[in-house]
Protein backbone atom coordinates (compact mmCIF):
# COMPACT_ATOMS: atom_id res chain seq x y z
CA MET A 1 -116.47 20.24 46.86
CA GLU A 2 -112.94 21.69 46.98
CA ASP A 3 -111.59 18.57 48.74
CA SER A 4 -112.15 16.24 45.77
CA THR A 5 -109.00 15.00 44.09
CA PRO A 6 -108.54 15.39 40.33
CA LEU A 7 -109.62 12.42 38.24
CA SER A 8 -106.97 10.09 36.86
CA SER A 9 -106.68 9.71 33.09
CA ALA A 10 -108.16 6.22 33.39
CA GLU A 11 -111.22 7.59 35.26
CA LYS A 12 -111.60 10.34 32.68
CA LYS A 13 -111.42 7.78 29.87
CA GLU A 14 -114.15 5.72 31.50
CA LEU A 15 -116.38 8.76 32.01
CA ARG A 16 -115.87 9.81 28.36
CA GLY A 17 -117.02 6.35 27.32
CA ILE A 18 -120.18 6.67 29.38
CA GLY A 19 -120.65 10.26 28.21
CA GLN A 20 -120.50 9.29 24.54
CA ARG A 21 -123.96 7.71 24.88
CA LEU A 22 -125.49 10.78 26.55
CA LYS A 23 -127.59 13.32 24.75
CA PRO A 24 -126.46 16.93 25.43
CA HIS A 25 -128.13 18.24 28.62
CA VAL A 26 -127.39 21.89 27.80
CA HIS A 27 -126.84 23.81 24.54
CA ILE A 28 -124.79 26.99 24.70
CA GLY A 29 -125.60 29.15 21.72
CA LYS A 30 -125.15 32.75 20.53
CA GLN A 31 -125.98 34.29 23.92
CA GLY A 32 -123.02 32.44 25.41
CA LEU A 33 -122.59 31.38 29.00
CA THR A 34 -125.38 33.39 30.61
CA LEU A 35 -126.50 33.08 34.22
CA THR A 36 -129.55 31.09 33.09
CA VAL A 37 -127.36 28.62 31.19
CA SER A 38 -124.95 28.43 34.14
CA ASN A 39 -127.86 27.60 36.48
CA GLU A 40 -129.09 24.93 34.05
CA ILE A 41 -125.62 23.36 34.14
CA GLU A 42 -125.72 23.39 37.97
CA THR A 43 -129.12 21.69 38.00
CA ALA A 44 -127.98 19.04 35.49
CA LEU A 45 -124.81 18.33 37.51
CA LEU A 46 -126.76 18.02 40.77
CA LYS A 47 -129.22 15.64 39.15
CA ASN A 48 -126.86 13.52 36.97
CA GLY A 49 -123.20 14.08 37.95
CA LEU A 50 -122.09 13.43 34.37
CA ILE A 51 -123.41 15.80 31.70
CA LYS A 52 -122.79 16.61 28.08
CA ILE A 53 -122.82 20.21 26.81
CA ARG A 54 -123.07 21.22 23.18
CA PHE A 55 -121.51 24.54 22.14
CA GLU A 56 -122.51 26.58 19.09
CA THR A 57 -119.40 28.72 18.84
CA ASP A 58 -115.72 28.58 17.75
CA ARG A 59 -113.10 26.35 19.40
CA GLU A 60 -111.31 29.20 21.20
CA THR A 61 -114.50 30.34 22.86
CA ILE A 62 -115.36 26.74 23.78
CA LYS A 63 -112.00 26.45 25.62
CA ILE A 64 -112.76 29.63 27.57
CA TYR A 65 -116.30 28.45 28.45
CA CYS A 66 -115.01 25.03 29.53
CA LEU A 67 -112.52 26.61 31.95
CA GLU A 68 -115.18 28.93 33.33
CA ILE A 69 -117.75 26.12 33.77
CA ALA A 70 -115.21 23.89 35.55
CA LYS A 71 -114.20 26.74 37.87
CA THR A 72 -117.63 28.22 38.69
CA ARG A 73 -119.48 24.92 38.95
CA GLN A 74 -116.75 22.89 40.72
CA CYS A 75 -116.81 20.17 38.12
CA GLU A 76 -114.23 18.60 35.84
CA ASP A 77 -114.05 18.75 32.03
CA VAL A 78 -113.33 15.10 31.19
CA GLY A 79 -113.15 15.61 27.42
CA GLY A 80 -115.24 15.57 24.34
CA VAL A 81 -115.26 15.66 20.58
CA GLY A 82 -115.76 18.62 18.30
CA LYS A 83 -118.20 21.09 19.82
CA THR A 84 -119.39 18.72 22.56
CA ARG A 85 -117.77 18.45 26.01
CA ILE A 86 -118.45 16.15 28.95
CA PHE A 87 -118.35 17.46 32.55
CA PHE A 88 -118.30 15.43 35.75
CA ARG A 89 -118.93 16.19 39.42
CA ASN A 90 -119.13 13.63 42.22
CA MET A 91 -122.70 13.19 43.31
CA PRO A 92 -123.31 14.01 46.99
CA GLU A 93 -123.75 10.88 49.08
CA LYS A 94 -127.35 10.23 49.92
CA GLU A 95 -128.12 10.01 53.59
CA PRO A 96 -129.14 6.43 54.62
CA ASN A 97 -132.62 6.41 56.12
């Protein structure tokens, strides 16, 4: 996944528009970014590519979590509003049969 180029601002804008209509796939609450939550994020990214995460914490902690999620899950934080963020990862190409 390391070879993917960063998204342009136009691509991020388009993904945010699509993401607005999504329901949050994962909620991160008082326990924070646990291994279980991190694995749930991985599963959602593998299945959907574009996911929405809802945070139940303060804005500073949300910033820290977003950086950690982007780094550990090789995805990109494309934006969000309030306590909701949208993450994107290119879906692996399906092998033609």
